Amino acid sequence: MARLPRIVVPGQPLHIVQRGNNRHPTFFSDMDYQFYLDALAVSAEQYGCAVHAYVLMTNHVHLLLTPKNRYQRPIVSNID
């Protein structure tokens, strides 16, 4: 079953969890972590989101971000 769309309220923080397929690892080296952080920074600027905190685990990511406005496409889908 598909997930319901996330309610996005500009100026309100969101806690986003992004997992690997079947909870398999998504990061295998330090370069993978750095690539993700670089892509996150570019996407946050592009979509007008402030990233307050992040936790990068081997098989998932936690993000705390605040959108400045409603955006068409979720920021995390642009990072994949």
Protein backbone atom coordinates (compact mmCIF):
# COMPACT_ATOMS: atom_id res chain seq x y z
CA MET A 1 0.00 0.00 0.00
CA ALA A 2 1.32 3.43 -0.91
CA ARG A 3 2.12 5.91 1.80
CA LEU A 4 -0.16 8.92 2.22
CA PRO A 5 1.31 12.20 1.00
CA ARG A 6 3.30 14.12 3.62
CA ILE A 7 1.67 17.32 4.86
CA VAL A 8 4.13 20.14 4.27
CA VAL A 9 3.59 23.41 6.13
CA PRO A 10 6.14 26.09 5.28
CA GLY A 11 8.21 27.05 8.32
CA GLN A 12 7.35 23.85 10.24
CA PRO A 13 10.16 21.32 10.81
CA LEU A 14 9.88 17.81 9.34
CA HIS A 15 11.52 14.62 10.58
CA ILE A 16 12.21 12.48 7.53
CA VAL A 17 13.49 8.90 7.58
CA GLN A 18 14.88 7.47 4.36
CA ARG A 19 15.71 3.75 4.28
CA GLY A 20 17.48 1.46 1.84
CA ASN A 21 15.48 -1.20 -0.01
CA ASN A 22 14.56 -3.99 2.40
CA ARG A 23 16.69 -2.13 4.96
CA HIS A 24 19.87 -3.11 3.14
CA PRO A 25 22.92 -0.85 3.49
CA THR A 26 23.01 2.27 1.36
CA PHE A 27 26.41 3.56 2.43
CA PHE A 28 29.51 1.43 1.92
CA SER A 29 32.39 3.90 2.21
CA ASP A 30 33.20 7.38 3.47
CA MET A 31 32.85 8.61 -0.12
CA ASP A 32 29.21 7.46 -0.15
CA TYR A 33 28.45 9.52 2.96
CA GLN A 34 30.19 12.58 1.48
CA PHE A 35 28.34 12.22 -1.82
CA TYR A 36 25.01 12.09 0.03
CA LEU A 37 25.84 15.18 2.11
CA ASP A 38 26.90 17.11 -1.00
CA ALA A 39 23.68 16.13 -2.82
CA LEU A 40 21.64 17.06 0.28
CA ALA A 41 23.22 20.53 0.38
CA VAL A 42 22.48 21.15 -3.31
CA SER A 43 18.89 19.89 -3.00
CA ALA A 44 18.23 21.88 0.18
CA GLU A 45 19.29 25.07 -1.56
CA GLN A 46 17.37 24.22 -4.74
CA TYR A 47 14.12 23.49 -2.87
CA GLY A 48 14.48 26.14 -0.17
CA CYS A 49 14.87 23.90 2.88
CA ALA A 50 16.94 24.54 5.98
CA VAL A 51 18.68 21.37 7.17
CA HIS A 52 18.97 21.53 10.97
CA ALA A 53 20.31 18.06 11.69
CA TYR A 54 21.02 14.74 10.05
CA VAL A 55 22.10 11.26 11.08
CA LEU A 56 23.60 8.98 8.45
CA MET A 57 23.43 5.31 9.42
CA THR A 58 24.61 2.45 7.22
CA ASN A 59 21.09 1.57 6.05
CA HIS A 60 19.03 4.70 6.70
CA VAL A 61 19.08 8.47 7.15
CA HIS A 62 17.28 10.80 9.57
CA LEU A 63 16.79 14.41 8.47
CA LEU A 64 15.40 17.35 10.40
CA LEU A 65 14.58 20.08 7.92
CA THR A 66 12.28 23.04 7.54
CA PRO A 67 10.84 24.00 4.14
CA LYS A 68 10.60 27.73 3.45
CA ASN A 69 7.70 27.17 1.06
CA ARG A 70 5.66 24.35 -0.47
CA TYR A 71 7.70 22.54 -3.06
CA GLN A 72 6.53 20.34 -5.90
CA ARG A 73 8.91 17.45 -5.47
CA PRO A 74 10.14 16.12 -2.12
CA ILE A 75 13.75 17.01 -1.42
CA VAL A 76 14.73 13.42 -0.59
CA SER A 77 13.57 12.09 -3.95
CA ASN A 78 16.07 14.42 -5.60
CA ILE A 79 18.98 12.96 -3.59
CA ASP A 80 18.52 9.33 -4.65
